[in-house]
Structures are given as structure tokens and as C-alpha cells.
């Protein structure tokens, strides 16, 4: 079964902005779109808003730049996931988006790394 090509103008624009990292692929998911570069999920487009991947280390930088977290309602509670909006001016060109795209890619790479292994404890009796 062939998938329909993505034609949403904002999604295509978001992919163009993220192309500073390499070819960007958009796929439909959860009523929006997932955006990936080199197989790494780095962004979402939900209701014509671009959100880029963040993590505990990068959230302060996103917030300092005015980024808003991606939130949704589930079972009567607000759920916040590690994706934030980039600064408005970054939506103007791939060059302005580049530092934010690299930050999102770094968060995606960090999320893929396996947790460090614990050293086995030796038992003496």
C-alpha cells in the first residue's frame, strides 16, 4: 500500500527548515506529523506548530528563547513531552533554524544511547 505524499504547506516548510541537517522526512502520526533526519525523530508538527526534540539538559535553553512545550490532555491531566517550539525568527530560514535543529538532533541522539551499564557488584562470603 503506497503512502500519500505529504502536501501540507507548513509541514513542507518545516522540512525545508530542518534540511540544514540533511534530508527531512515527514510522516503522519497522532493527528499531526513526525519529522526525522537520518532516521532520528527530531520534530513534530501539530496544528501548524513546529516542536523540536528537547531533553532535561536543553529545556532551559528552549525556555530562555521563548519556546513553549508540547502539551496535550489525557485522562483529565495535562501531559508535557520533551518537544519545544523554536524561536519565531528561526521559522524564517534554514540558516536561522540551524542551531535549534542541531540542538534537537543532539537530544534525539542522546535519547537513543543506551543507559550506562552498572558494574556488577562482587559478592564475598
PDB file of N, CA and C in Angstrom:
ATOM      1  N   UNK A   1       0.842  -1.184   0.000  1.00  0.00           N
ATOM      2  CA  UNK A   1       0.000   0.000   0.000  1.00  0.00           C
ATOM      3  C   UNK A   1       0.885   1.244   0.000  1.00  0.00           C
ATOM      4  N   UNK A   2       0.735   2.066  -1.012  1.00  0.00           N
ATOM      5  CA  UNK A   2       1.547   3.275  -1.140  1.00  0.00           C
ATOM      6  C   UNK A   2       1.012   4.360  -0.210  1.00  0.00           C
ATOM      7  N   UNK A   3       1.937   5.120   0.364  1.00  0.00           N
ATOM      8  CA  UNK A   3       1.525   6.220   1.218  1.00  0.00           C
ATOM      9  C   UNK A   3       1.346   7.467   0.368  1.00  0.00           C
ATOM     10  N   UNK A   4       0.404   8.296   0.780  1.00  0.00           N
ATOM     11  CA  UNK A   4       0.167   9.543   0.064  1.00  0.00           C
ATOM     12  C   UNK A   4       1.323  10.495   0.338  1.00  0.00           C
ATOM     13  N   UNK A   5       1.745  11.241  -0.672  1.00  0.00           N
ATOM     14  CA  UNK A   5       2.796  12.236  -0.422  1.00  0.00           C
ATOM     15  C   UNK A   5       2.273  13.339   0.498  1.00  0.00           C
ATOM     16  N   UNK A   6       3.177  13.896   1.285  1.00  0.00           N
ATOM     17  CA  UNK A   6       2.828  14.992   2.183  1.00  0.00           C
ATOM     18  C   UNK A   6       2.689  16.260   1.344  1.00  0.00           C
ATOM     19  N   UNK A   7       1.549  16.940   1.491  1.00  0.00           N
ATOM     20  CA  UNK A   7       1.311  18.165   0.713  1.00  0.00           C
ATOM     21  C   UNK A   7       1.044  19.376   1.597  1.00  0.00           C
ATOM     22  N   UNK A   8       0.964  19.167   2.908  1.00  0.00           N
ATOM     23  CA  UNK A   8       0.680  20.270   3.820  1.00  0.00           C
ATOM     24  C   UNK A   8       1.785  21.321   3.704  1.00  0.00           C
ATOM     25  N   UNK A   9       1.439  22.567   3.349  1.00  0.00           N
ATOM     26  CA  UNK A   9       2.462  23.597   3.129  1.00  0.00           C
ATOM     27  C   UNK A   9       3.342  23.866   4.356  1.00  0.00           C
ATOM     28  N   UNK A  10       2.758  23.879   5.558  1.00  0.00           N
ATOM     29  CA  UNK A  10       3.573  24.156   6.746  1.00  0.00           C
ATOM     30  C   UNK A  10       4.542  23.009   7.023  1.00  0.00           C
ATOM     31  N   UNK A  11       4.092  21.773   6.843  1.00  0.00           N
ATOM     32  CA  UNK A  11       4.962  20.609   7.055  1.00  0.00           C
ATOM     33  C   UNK A  11       6.112  20.635   6.054  1.00  0.00           C
ATOM     34  N   UNK A  12       5.823  20.955   4.818  1.00  0.00           N
ATOM     35  CA  UNK A  12       6.879  21.055   3.807  1.00  0.00           C
ATOM     36  C   UNK A  12       7.868  22.167   4.160  1.00  0.00           C
ATOM     37  N   UNK A  13       7.364  23.277   4.666  1.00  0.00           N
ATOM     38  CA  UNK A  13       8.223  24.387   5.099  1.00  0.00           C
ATOM     39  C   UNK A  13       9.109  23.943   6.266  1.00  0.00           C
ATOM     40  N   UNK A  14       8.522  23.235   7.239  1.00  0.00           N
ATOM     41  CA  UNK A  14       9.290  22.745   8.388  1.00  0.00           C
ATOM     42  C   UNK A  14      10.405  21.807   7.914  1.00  0.00           C
ATOM     43  N   UNK A  15      10.099  20.940   6.968  1.00  0.00           N
ATOM     44  CA  UNK A  15      11.127  20.031   6.438  1.00  0.00           C
ATOM     45  C   UNK A  15      12.227  20.813   5.724  1.00  0.00           C
ATOM     46  N   UNK A  16      11.849  21.848   5.011  1.00  0.00           N
ATOM     47  CA  UNK A  16      12.851  22.689   4.346  1.00  0.00           C
ATOM     48  C   UNK A  16      13.756  23.343   5.395  1.00  0.00           C
ATOM     49  N   UNK A  17      13.169  23.834   6.483  1.00  0.00           N
ATOM     50  CA  UNK A  17      13.959  24.461   7.537  1.00  0.00           C
ATOM     51  C   UNK A  17      14.925  23.470   8.172  1.00  0.00           C
ATOM     52  N   UNK A  18      14.489  22.243   8.363  1.00  0.00           N
ATOM     53  CA  UNK A  18      15.314  21.228   9.016  1.00  0.00           C
ATOM     54  C   UNK A  18      16.296  20.568   8.055  1.00  0.00           C
ATOM     55  N   UNK A  19      16.194  20.898   6.774  1.00  0.00           N
ATOM     56  CA  UNK A  19      17.105  20.314   5.787  1.00  0.00           C
ATOM     57  C   UNK A  19      18.546  20.772   5.998  1.00  0.00           C
ATOM     58  N   UNK A  20      18.754  21.730   6.905  1.00  0.00           N
ATOM     59  CA  UNK A  20      20.116  22.146   7.253  1.00  0.00           C
ATOM     60  C   UNK A  20      20.876  20.972   7.880  1.00  0.00           C
ATOM     61  N   UNK A  21      20.150  19.944   8.355  1.00  0.00           N
ATOM     62  CA  UNK A  21      20.768  18.751   8.938  1.00  0.00           C
ATOM     63  C   UNK A  21      20.908  17.611   7.936  1.00  0.00           C
ATOM     64  N   UNK A  22      20.187  17.698   6.848  1.00  0.00           N
ATOM     65  CA  UNK A  22      20.136  16.622   5.859  1.00  0.00           C
ATOM     66  C   UNK A  22      18.691  16.453   5.412  1.00  0.00           C
ATOM     67  N   UNK A  23      18.429  15.477   4.550  1.00  0.00           N
ATOM     68  CA  UNK A  23      17.054  15.286   4.076  1.00  0.00           C
ATOM     69  C   UNK A  23      16.084  15.016   5.240  1.00  0.00           C
ATOM     70  N   UNK A  24      14.986  15.739   5.245  1.00  0.00           N
ATOM     71  CA  UNK A  24      13.972  15.621   6.299  1.00  0.00           C
ATOM     72  C   UNK A  24      12.795  14.820   5.755  1.00  0.00           C
ATOM     73  N   UNK A  25      12.332  13.881   6.555  1.00  0.00           N
ATOM     74  CA  UNK A  25      11.192  13.054   6.179  1.00  0.00           C
ATOM     75  C   UNK A  25      10.040  13.339   7.132  1.00  0.00           C
ATOM     76  N   UNK A  26       8.852  13.533   6.586  1.00  0.00           N
ATOM     77  CA  UNK A  26       7.651  13.748   7.391  1.00  0.00           C
ATOM     78  C   UNK A  26       6.734  12.540   7.230  1.00  0.00           C
ATOM     79  N   UNK A  27       6.172  12.092   8.343  1.00  0.00           N
ATOM     80  CA  UNK A  27       5.197  11.001   8.328  1.00  0.00           C
ATOM     81  C   UNK A  27       3.993  11.406   9.178  1.00  0.00           C
ATOM     82  N   UNK A  28       2.832  10.984   8.741  1.00  0.00           N
ATOM     83  CA  UNK A  28       1.618  11.298   9.506  1.00  0.00           C
ATOM     84  C   UNK A  28       1.607  10.476  10.787  1.00  0.00           C
ATOM     85  N   UNK A  29       1.247  11.131  11.890  1.00  0.00           N
ATOM     86  CA  UNK A  29       1.113  10.415  13.162  1.00  0.00           C
ATOM     87  C   UNK A  29       0.311  11.233  14.154  1.00  0.00           C
ATOM     88  N   UNK A  30      -0.537  10.587  14.918  1.00  0.00           N
ATOM     89  CA  UNK A  30      -1.286  11.213  16.014  1.00  0.00           C
ATOM     90  C   UNK A  30      -1.981  12.512  15.630  1.00  0.00           C
ATOM     91  N   UNK A  31      -2.565  12.570  14.465  1.00  0.00           N
ATOM     92  CA  UNK A  31      -3.257  13.781  14.049  1.00  0.00           C
ATOM     93  C   UNK A  31      -2.328  14.897  13.615  1.00  0.00           C
ATOM     94  N   UNK A  32      -1.046  14.613  13.544  1.00  0.00           N
ATOM     95  CA  UNK A  32      -0.054  15.594  13.109  1.00  0.00           C
ATOM     96  C   UNK A  32       0.987  14.896  12.264  1.00  0.00           C
ATOM     97  N   UNK A  33       2.224  15.333  12.389  1.00  0.00           N
ATOM     98  CA  UNK A  33       3.322  14.780  11.600  1.00  0.00           C
ATOM     99  C   UNK A  33       4.554  14.620  12.476  1.00  0.00           C
ATOM    100  N   UNK A  34       5.277  13.552  12.247  1.00  0.00           N
ATOM    101  CA  UNK A  34       6.583  13.364  12.847  1.00  0.00           C
ATOM    102  C   UNK A  34       7.636  13.723  11.821  1.00  0.00           C
ATOM    103  N   UNK A  35       8.704  14.374  12.241  1.00  0.00           N
ATOM    104  CA  UNK A  35       9.771  14.798  11.335  1.00  0.00           C
ATOM    105  C   UNK A  35      11.063  14.112  11.753  1.00  0.00           C
ATOM    106  N   UNK A  36      11.755  13.548  10.778  1.00  0.00           N
ATOM    107  CA  UNK A  36      13.007  12.865  11.098  1.00  0.00           C
ATOM    108  C   UNK A  36      14.089  13.213  10.079  1.00  0.00           C
ATOM    109  N   UNK A  37      15.330  13.115  10.565  1.00  0.00           N
ATOM    110  CA  UNK A  37      16.515  13.302   9.737  1.00  0.00           C
ATOM    111  C   UNK A  37      17.441  12.136  10.065  1.00  0.00           C
ATOM    112  N   UNK A  38      17.917  11.448   9.046  1.00  0.00           N
ATOM    113  CA  UNK A  38      18.782  10.280   9.251  1.00  0.00           C
ATOM    114  C   UNK A  38      18.172   9.265  10.211  1.00  0.00           C
ATOM    115  N   UNK A  39      16.865   9.079  10.148  1.00  0.00           N
ATOM    116  CA  UNK A  39      16.193   8.112  10.990  1.00  0.00           C
ATOM    117  C   UNK A  39      16.012   8.546  12.431  1.00  0.00           C
ATOM    118  N   UNK A  40      16.394   9.771  12.743  1.00  0.00           N
ATOM    119  CA  UNK A  40      16.259  10.295  14.105  1.00  0.00           C
ATOM    120  C   UNK A  40      15.024  11.198  14.170  1.00  0.00           C
ATOM    121  N   UNK A  41      14.114  10.914  15.088  1.00  0.00           N
ATOM    122  CA  UNK A  41      12.920  11.738  15.256  1.00  0.00           C
ATOM    123  C   UNK A  41      13.316  13.021  15.974  1.00  0.00           C
ATOM    124  N   UNK A  42      13.222  14.129  15.257  1.00  0.00           N
ATOM    125  CA  UNK A  42      13.664  15.399  15.839  1.00  0.00           C
ATOM    126  C   UNK A  42      12.558  16.434  15.984  1.00  0.00           C
ATOM    127  N   UNK A  43      11.408  16.184  15.389  1.00  0.00           N
ATOM    128  CA  UNK A  43      10.368  17.203  15.457  1.00  0.00           C
ATOM    129  C   UNK A  43       8.971  16.665  15.251  1.00  0.00           C
ATOM    130  N   UNK A  44       8.024  17.514  15.586  1.00  0.00           N
ATOM    131  CA  UNK A  44       6.602  17.258  15.387  1.00  0.00           C
ATOM    132  C   UNK A  44       5.970  18.507  14.797  1.00  0.00           C
ATOM    133  N   UNK A  45       4.964  18.314  13.976  1.00  0.00           N
ATOM    134  CA  UNK A  45       4.107  19.420  13.568  1.00  0.00           C
ATOM    135  C   UNK A  45       2.707  19.039  14.007  1.00  0.00           C
ATOM    136  N   UNK A  46       2.167  19.832  14.915  1.00  0.00           N
ATOM    137  CA  UNK A  46       0.820  19.624  15.432  1.00  0.00           C
ATOM    138  C   UNK A  46       0.083  20.947  15.290  1.00  0.00           C
ATOM    139  N   UNK A  47      -1.043  20.919  14.587  1.00  0.00           N
ATOM    140  CA  UNK A  47      -1.859  22.125  14.379  1.00  0.00           C
ATOM    141  C   UNK A  47      -1.021  23.309  13.901  1.00  0.00           C
ATOM    142  N   UNK A  48      -0.245  23.085  12.852  1.00  0.00           N
ATOM    143  CA  UNK A  48       0.591  24.125  12.228  1.00  0.00           C
ATOM    144  C   UNK A  48       1.583  24.768  13.191  1.00  0.00           C
ATOM    145  N   UNK A  49       2.047  23.998  14.149  1.00  0.00           N
ATOM    146  CA  UNK A  49       3.083  24.449  15.061  1.00  0.00           C
ATOM    147  C   UNK A  49       4.219  23.442  15.036  1.00  0.00           C
ATOM    148  N   UNK A  50       5.442  23.935  14.879  1.00  0.00           N
ATOM    149  CA  UNK A  50       6.627  23.090  14.875  1.00  0.00           C
ATOM    150  C   UNK A  50       7.163  22.966  16.292  1.00  0.00           C
ATOM    151  N   UNK A  51       7.397  21.742  16.710  1.00  0.00           N
ATOM    152  CA  UNK A  51       8.019  21.452  18.004  1.00  0.00           C
ATOM    153  C   UNK A  51       9.275  20.633  17.724  1.00  0.00           C
ATOM    154  N   UNK A  52      10.363  20.961  18.387  1.00  0.00           N
ATOM    155  CA  UNK A  52      11.612  20.231  18.205  1.00  0.00           C
ATOM    156  C   UNK A  52      11.981  19.502  19.484  1.00  0.00           C
ATOM    157  N   UNK A  53      12.655  18.374  19.317  1.00  0.00           N
ATOM    158  CA  UNK A  53      13.018  17.499  20.436  1.00  0.00           C
ATOM    159  C   UNK A  53      13.914  18.231  21.422  1.00  0.00           C
ATOM    160  N   UNK A  54      13.634  17.994  22.696  1.00  0.00           N
ATOM    161  CA  UNK A  54      14.434  18.579  23.767  1.00  0.00           C
ATOM    162  C   UNK A  54      14.705  17.480  24.793  1.00  0.00           C
ATOM    163  N   UNK A  55      15.489  17.804  25.788  1.00  0.00           N
ATOM    164  CA  UNK A  55      15.721  16.875  26.892  1.00  0.00           C
ATOM    165  C   UNK A  55      16.012  17.704  28.146  1.00  0.00           C
ATOM    166  N   UNK A  56      16.256  17.027  29.249  1.00  0.00           N
ATOM    167  CA  UNK A  56      16.448  17.728  30.526  1.00  0.00           C
ATOM    168  C   UNK A  56      17.585  18.746  30.453  1.00  0.00           C
ATOM    169  N   UNK A  57      18.617  18.445  29.668  1.00  0.00           N
ATOM    170  CA  UNK A  57      19.745  19.375  29.554  1.00  0.00           C
ATOM    171  C   UNK A  57      19.436  20.597  28.708  1.00  0.00           C
ATOM    172  N   UNK A  58      18.551  20.444  27.712  1.00  0.00           N
ATOM    173  CA  UNK A  58      18.307  21.536  26.774  1.00  0.00           C
ATOM    174  C   UNK A  58      17.040  22.343  27.061  1.00  0.00           C
ATOM    175  N   UNK A  59      16.148  21.822  27.904  1.00  0.00           N
ATOM    176  CA  UNK A  59      14.897  22.544  28.189  1.00  0.00           C
ATOM    177  C   UNK A  59      15.147  23.983  28.632  1.00  0.00           C
ATOM    178  N   UNK A  60      16.111  24.259  29.530  1.00  0.00           N
ATOM    179  CA  UNK A  60      16.327  25.663  29.922  1.00  0.00           C
ATOM    180  C   UNK A  60      16.655  26.571  28.728  1.00  0.00           C
ATOM    181  N   UNK A  61      17.398  26.054  27.777  1.00  0.00           N
ATOM    182  CA  UNK A  61      17.745  26.872  26.594  1.00  0.00           C
ATOM    183  C   UNK A  61      16.499  27.154  25.749  1.00  0.00           C
ATOM    184  N   UNK A  62      15.656  26.136  25.570  1.00  0.00           N
ATOM    185  CA  UNK A  62      14.417  26.343  24.812  1.00  0.00           C
ATOM    186  C   UNK A  62      13.541  27.382  25.506  1.00  0.00           C
ATOM    187  N   UNK A  63      13.392  27.246  26.814  1.00  0.00           N
ATOM    188  CA  UNK A  63      12.541  28.181  27.562  1.00  0.00           C
ATOM    189  C   UNK A  63      13.105  29.593  27.549  1.00  0.00           C
ATOM    190  N   UNK A  64      14.424  29.732  27.660  1.00  0.00           N
ATOM    191  CA  UNK A  64      15.057  31.061  27.632  1.00  0.00           C
ATOM    192  C   UNK A  64      14.829  31.753  26.293  1.00  0.00           C
ATOM    193  N   UNK A  65      14.678  30.970  25.224  1.00  0.00           N
ATOM    194  CA  UNK A  65      14.442  31.532  23.892  1.00  0.00           C
ATOM    195  C   UNK A  65      12.956  31.755  23.628  1.00  0.00           C
ATOM    196  N   UNK A  66      12.121  31.491  24.630  1.00  0.00           N
ATOM    197  CA  UNK A  66      10.684  31.703  24.465  1.00  0.00           C
ATOM    198  C   UNK A  66       9.938  30.486  23.963  1.00  0.00           C
ATOM    199  N   UNK A  67      10.604  29.336  23.923  1.00  0.00           N
ATOM    200  CA  UNK A  67       9.955  28.116  23.446  1.00  0.00           C
ATOM    201  C   UNK A  67       8.843  27.663  24.378  1.00  0.00           C
ATOM    202  N   UNK A  68       7.816  27.112  23.768  1.00  0.00           N
ATOM    203  CA  UNK A  68       6.696  26.559  24.523  1.00  0.00           C
ATOM    204  C   UNK A  68       6.739  25.038  24.412  1.00  0.00           C
ATOM    205  N   UNK A  69       6.468  24.336  25.504  1.00  0.00           N
ATOM    206  CA  UNK A  69       6.476  22.878  25.438  1.00  0.00           C
ATOM    207  C   UNK A  69       5.242  22.351  24.713  1.00  0.00           C
ATOM    208  N   UNK A  70       5.377  21.171  24.148  1.00  0.00           N
ATOM    209  CA  UNK A  70       4.227  20.493  23.557  1.00  0.00           C
ATOM    210  C   UNK A  70       3.466  19.828  24.694  1.00  0.00           C
ATOM    211  N   UNK A  71       2.199  20.167  24.813  1.00  0.00           N
ATOM    212  CA  UNK A  71       1.338  19.622  25.855  1.00  0.00           C
ATOM    213  C   UNK A  71       0.053  19.111  25.230  1.00  0.00           C
ATOM    214  N   UNK A  72      -0.526  18.093  25.864  1.00  0.00           N
ATOM    215  CA  UNK A  72      -1.831  17.602  25.449  1.00  0.00           C
ATOM    216  C   UNK A  72      -2.570  17.089  26.679  1.00  0.00           C
ATOM    217  N   UNK A  73      -3.870  16.929  26.534  1.00  0.00           N
ATOM    218  CA  UNK A  73      -4.705  16.453  27.633  1.00  0.00           C
ATOM    219  C   UNK A  73      -4.925  14.953  27.477  1.00  0.00           C
ATOM    220  N   UNK A  74      -4.771  14.217  28.585  1.00  0.00           N
ATOM    221  CA  UNK A  74      -5.042  12.785  28.607  1.00  0.00           C
ATOM    222  C   UNK A  74      -5.599  12.423  29.978  1.00  0.00           C
ATOM    223  N   UNK A  75      -6.761  11.801  29.978  1.00  0.00           N
ATOM    224  CA  UNK A  75      -7.400  11.375  31.223  1.00  0.00           C
ATOM    225  C   UNK A  75      -7.528  12.522  32.227  1.00  0.00           C
ATOM    226  N   UNK A  76      -7.886  13.695  31.711  1.00  0.00           N
ATOM    227  CA  UNK A  76      -8.108  14.842  32.571  1.00  0.00           C
ATOM    228  C   UNK A  76      -6.856  15.526  33.085  1.00  0.00           C
ATOM    229  N   UNK A  77      -5.701  15.114  32.605  1.00  0.00           N
ATOM    230  CA  UNK A  77      -4.448  15.715  33.058  1.00  0.00           C
ATOM    231  C   UNK A  77      -3.677  16.267  31.863  1.00  0.00           C
ATOM    232  N   UNK A  78      -2.899  17.326  32.117  1.00  0.00           N
ATOM    233  CA  UNK A  78      -2.034  17.881  31.081  1.00  0.00           C
ATOM    234  C   UNK A  78      -0.731  17.098  31.072  1.00  0.00           C
ATOM    235  N   UNK A  79      -0.390  16.586  29.901  1.00  0.00           N
ATOM    236  CA  UNK A  79       0.842  15.823  29.732  1.00  0.00           C
ATOM    237  C   UNK A  79       1.803  16.685  28.911  1.00  0.00           C
ATOM    238  N   UNK A  80       3.030  16.791  29.376  1.00  0.00           N
ATOM    239  CA  UNK A  80       4.044  17.570  28.680  1.00  0.00           C
ATOM    240  C   UNK A  80       5.127  16.606  28.209  1.00  0.00           C
ATOM    241  N   UNK A  81       5.464  16.688  26.929  1.00  0.00           N
ATOM    242  CA  UNK A  81       6.526  15.845  26.392  1.00  0.00           C
ATOM    243  C   UNK A  81       7.716  16.718  26.013  1.00  0.00           C
ATOM    244  N   UNK A  82       8.856  16.101  25.814  1.00  0.00           N
ATOM    245  CA  UNK A  82      10.105  16.837  25.581  1.00  0.00           C
ATOM    246  C   UNK A  82      10.231  17.299  24.120  1.00  0.00           C
ATOM    247  N   UNK A  83       9.354  18.208  23.761  1.00  0.00           N
ATOM    248  CA  UNK A  83       9.410  18.894  22.475  1.00  0.00           C
ATOM    249  C   UNK A  83       9.035  20.336  22.763  1.00  0.00           C
ATOM    250  N   UNK A  84       9.757  21.282  22.149  1.00  0.00           N
ATOM    251  CA  UNK A  84       9.505  22.710  22.367  1.00  0.00           C
ATOM    252  C   UNK A  84       9.496  23.453  21.037  1.00  0.00           C
ATOM    253  N   UNK A  85       8.799  24.576  21.023  1.00  0.00           N
ATOM    254  CA  UNK A  85       8.790  25.411  19.823  1.00  0.00           C
ATOM    255  C   UNK A  85      10.115  26.171  19.734  1.00  0.00           C
ATOM    256  N   UNK A  86      10.624  26.327  18.526  1.00  0.00           N
ATOM    257  CA  UNK A  86      11.814  27.171  18.352  1.00  0.00           C
ATOM    258  C   UNK A  86      11.399  28.641  18.372  1.00  0.00           C
ATOM    259  N   UNK A  87      12.374  29.546  18.486  1.00  0.00           N
ATOM    260  CA  UNK A  87      12.037  30.976  18.414  1.00  0.00           C
ATOM    261  C   UNK A  87      11.364  31.302  17.069  1.00  0.00           C
ATOM    262  N   UNK A  88      10.455  32.253  17.076  1.00  0.00           N
ATOM    263  CA  UNK A  88       9.715  32.605  15.858  1.00  0.00           C
ATOM    264  C   UNK A  88      10.640  32.931  14.684  1.00  0.00           C
ATOM    265  N   UNK A  89      11.729  33.660  14.960  1.00  0.00           N
ATOM    266  CA  UNK A  89      12.617  34.056  13.852  1.00  0.00           C
ATOM    267  C   UNK A  89      13.286  32.853  13.191  1.00  0.00           C
ATOM    268  N   UNK A  90      13.403  31.727  13.906  1.00  0.00           N
ATOM    269  CA  UNK A  90      14.018  30.530  13.321  1.00  0.00           C
ATOM    270  C   UNK A  90      13.154  29.945  12.210  1.00  0.00           C
ATOM    271  N   UNK A  91      11.874  30.319  12.182  1.00  0.00           N
ATOM    272  CA  UNK A  91      10.977  29.806  11.145  1.00  0.00           C
ATOM    273  C   UNK A  91      11.171  30.512   9.806  1.00  0.00           C
ATOM    274  N   UNK A  92      12.079  31.487   9.767  1.00  0.00           N
ATOM    275  CA  UNK A  92      12.283  32.271   8.556  1.00  0.00           C
ATOM    276  C   UNK A  92      13.243  31.653   7.561  1.00  0.00           C
ATOM    277  N   UNK A  93      14.222  30.859   8.028  1.00  0.00           N
ATOM    278  CA  UNK A  93      15.185  30.289   7.084  1.00  0.00           C
ATOM    279  C   UNK A  93      15.921  29.108   7.703  1.00  0.00           C
ATOM    280  N   UNK A  94      16.444  28.206   6.846  1.00  0.00           N
ATOM    281  CA  UNK A  94      17.240  27.098   7.365  1.00  0.00           C
ATOM    282  C   UNK A  94      18.462  27.576   8.162  1.00  0.00           C
ATOM    283  N   UNK A  95      19.058  28.689   7.759  1.00  0.00           N
ATOM    284  CA  UNK A  95      20.233  29.202   8.472  1.00  0.00           C
ATOM    285  C   UNK A  95      19.875  29.619   9.897  1.00  0.00           C
ATOM    286  N   UNK A  96      18.713  30.268  10.073  1.00  0.00           N
ATOM    287  CA  UNK A  96      18.288  30.676  11.412  1.00  0.00           C
ATOM    288  C   UNK A  96      17.804  29.486  12.242  1.00  0.00           C
ATOM    289  N   UNK A  97      17.330  28.448  11.556  1.00  0.00           N
ATOM    290  CA  UNK A  97      16.862  27.256  12.243  1.00  0.00           C
ATOM    291  C   UNK A  97      18.021  26.345  12.643  1.00  0.00           C
ATOM    292  N   UNK A  98      19.156  26.452  11.978  1.00  0.00           N
ATOM    293  CA  UNK A  98      20.266  25.504  12.157  1.00  0.00           C
ATOM    294  C   UNK A  98      20.656  25.254  13.614  1.00  0.00           C
ATOM    295  N   UNK A  99      20.878  26.272  14.448  1.00  0.00           N
ATOM    296  CA  UNK A  99      21.288  25.956  15.822  1.00  0.00           C
ATOM    297  C   UNK A  99      20.216  25.198  16.602  1.00  0.00           C
ATOM    298  N   UNK A 100      18.955  25.476  16.322  1.00  0.00           N
ATOM    299  CA  UNK A 100      17.854  24.809  17.016  1.00  0.00           C
ATOM    300  C   UNK A 100      17.688  23.389  16.497  1.00  0.00           C
ATOM    301  N   UNK A 101      17.877  23.222  15.203  1.00  0.00           N
ATOM    302  CA  UNK A 101      17.803  21.885  14.618  1.00  0.00           C
ATOM    303  C   UNK A 101      18.921  21.005  15.165  1.00  0.00           C
ATOM    304  N   UNK A 102      20.130  21.566  15.309  1.00  0.00           N
ATOM    305  CA  UNK A 102      21.250  20.793  15.870  1.00  0.00           C
ATOM    306  C   UNK A 102      20.985  20.423  17.327  1.00  0.00           C
ATOM    307  N   UNK A 103      20.368  21.330  18.060  1.00  0.00           N
ATOM    308  CA  UNK A 103      20.018  21.052  19.453  1.00  0.00           C
ATOM    309  C   UNK A 103      19.006  19.901  19.530  1.00  0.00           C
ATOM    310  N   UNK A 104      18.022  19.908  18.635  1.00  0.00           N
ATOM    311  CA  UNK A 104      17.021  18.833  18.590  1.00  0.00           C
ATOM    312  C   UNK A 104      17.667  17.509  18.199  1.00  0.00           C
ATOM    313  N   UNK A 105      18.576  17.549  17.237  1.00  0.00           N
ATOM    314  CA  UNK A 105      19.260  16.326  16.818  1.00  0.00           C
ATOM    315  C   UNK A 105      20.110  15.770  17.962  1.00  0.00           C
ATOM    316  N   UNK A 106      20.790  16.640  18.681  1.00  0.00           N
ATOM    317  CA  UNK A 106      21.602  16.188  19.822  1.00  0.00           C
ATOM    318  C   UNK A 106      20.718  15.524  20.880  1.00  0.00           C
ATOM    319  N   UNK A 107      19.528  16.067  21.122  1.00  0.00           N
ATOM    320  CA  UNK A 107      18.607  15.464  22.084  1.00  0.00           C
ATOM    321  C   UNK A 107      18.130  14.102  21.584  1.00  0.00           C
ATOM    322  N   UNK A 108      17.886  13.986  20.281  1.00  0.00           N
ATOM    323  CA  UNK A 108      17.460  12.701  19.715  1.00  0.00           C
ATOM    324  C   UNK A 108      18.571  11.667  19.816  1.00  0.00           C
ATOM    325  N   UNK A 109      19.799  12.075  19.541  1.00  0.00           N
ATOM    326  CA  UNK A 109      20.942  11.160  19.645  1.00  0.00           C
ATOM    327  C   UNK A 109      21.113  10.719  21.094  1.00  0.00           C
ATOM    328  N   UNK A 110      21.022  11.648  22.026  1.00  0.00           N
ATOM    329  CA  UNK A 110      21.172  11.314  23.445  1.00  0.00           C
ATOM    330  C   UNK A 110      20.084  10.347  23.901  1.00  0.00           C
ATOM    331  N   UNK A 111      18.874  10.499  23.368  1.00  0.00           N
ATOM    332  CA  UNK A 111      17.769   9.621  23.748  1.00  0.00           C
ATOM    333  C   UNK A 111      17.976   8.199  23.235  1.00  0.00           C
ATOM    334  N   UNK A 112      18.723   8.053  22.178  1.00  0.00           N
ATOM    335  CA  UNK A 112      18.968   6.733  21.594  1.00  0.00           C
ATOM    336  C   UNK A 112      20.085   5.971  22.289  1.00  0.00           C
ATOM    337  N   UNK A 113      20.961   6.668  22.974  1.00  0.00           N
ATOM    338  CA  UNK A 113      22.088   5.999  23.618  1.00  0.00           C
ATOM    339  C   UNK A 113      21.576   5.108  24.736  1.00  0.00           C
ATOM    340  N   UNK A 114      22.089   3.897  24.811  1.00  0.00           N
ATOM    341  CA  UNK A 114      21.653   3.029  25.912  1.00  0.00           C
ATOM    342  C   UNK A 114      22.155   3.573  27.248  1.00  0.00           C
ATOM    343  N   UNK A 115      21.417   3.275  28.279  1.00  0.00           N
ATOM    344  CA  UNK A 115      21.817   3.711  29.616  1.00  0.00           C
ATOM    345  C   UNK A 115      23.138   3.046  29.972  1.00  0.00           C
ATOM    346  N   UNK A 116      23.999   3.756  30.699  1.00  0.00           N
ATOM    347  CA  UNK A 116      25.276   3.151  31.076  1.00  0.00           C
ATOM    348  C   UNK A 116      25.040   1.893  31.915  1.00  0.00           C
ATOM    349  N   UNK A 117      25.849   0.909  31.674  1.00  0.00           N
ATOM    350  CA  UNK A 117      25.726  -0.342  32.415  1.00  0.00           C
ATOM    351  C   UNK A 117      26.340  -0.184  33.792  1.00  0.00           C
ATOM    352  N   UNK A 118      25.688  -0.792  34.732  1.00  0.00           N
ATOM    353  CA  UNK A 118      26.228  -0.806  36.087  1.00  0.00           C
ATOM    354  C   UNK A 118      27.296  -1.883  36.167  1.00  0.00           C
ATOM    355  N   UNK A 119      28.292  -1.610  36.944  1.00  0.00           N
ATOM    356  CA  UNK A 119      29.304  -2.634  37.179  1.00  0.00           C
ATOM    357  C   UNK A 119      28.703  -3.673  38.117  1.00  0.00           C
ATOM    358  N   UNK A 120      28.915  -4.920  37.803  1.00  0.00           N
ATOM    359  CA  UNK A 120      28.384  -5.937  38.711  1.00  0.00           C
ATOM    360  C   UNK A 120      29.078  -5.838  40.062  1.00  0.00           C
ATOM    361  N   UNK A 121      28.308  -6.014  41.093  1.00  0.00           N
ATOM    362  CA  UNK A 121      28.887  -5.973  42.435  1.00  0.00           C
ATOM    363  C   UNK A 121      29.401  -7.358  42.773  1.00  0.00           C
ATOM    364  N   UNK A 122      30.557  -7.389  43.358  1.00  0.00           N
ATOM    365  CA  UNK A 122      31.106  -8.704  43.727  1.00  0.00           C
ATOM    366  C   UNK A 122      30.590  -9.073  45.101  1.00  0.00           C
ATOM    367  N   UNK A 123      30.238 -10.301  45.217  1.00  0.00           N
ATOM    368  CA  UNK A 123      29.717 -10.796  46.490  1.00  0.00           C
ATOM    369  C   UNK A 123      30.774 -11.654  47.134  1.00  0.00           C
ATOM    370  N   UNK A 124      31.102 -11.325  48.319  1.00  0.00           N
ATOM    371  CA  UNK A 124      32.060 -12.140  49.068  1.00  0.00           C
ATOM    372  C   UNK A 124      31.364 -12.722  50.279  1.00  0.00           C
ATOM    373  N   UNK A 125      31.638 -13.931  50.528  1.00  0.00           N
ATOM    374  CA  UNK A 125      31.036 -14.579  51.688  1.00  0.00           C
ATOM    375  C   UNK A 125      32.071 -15.184  52.554  1.00  0.00           C
TER     376      UNK A 125
END
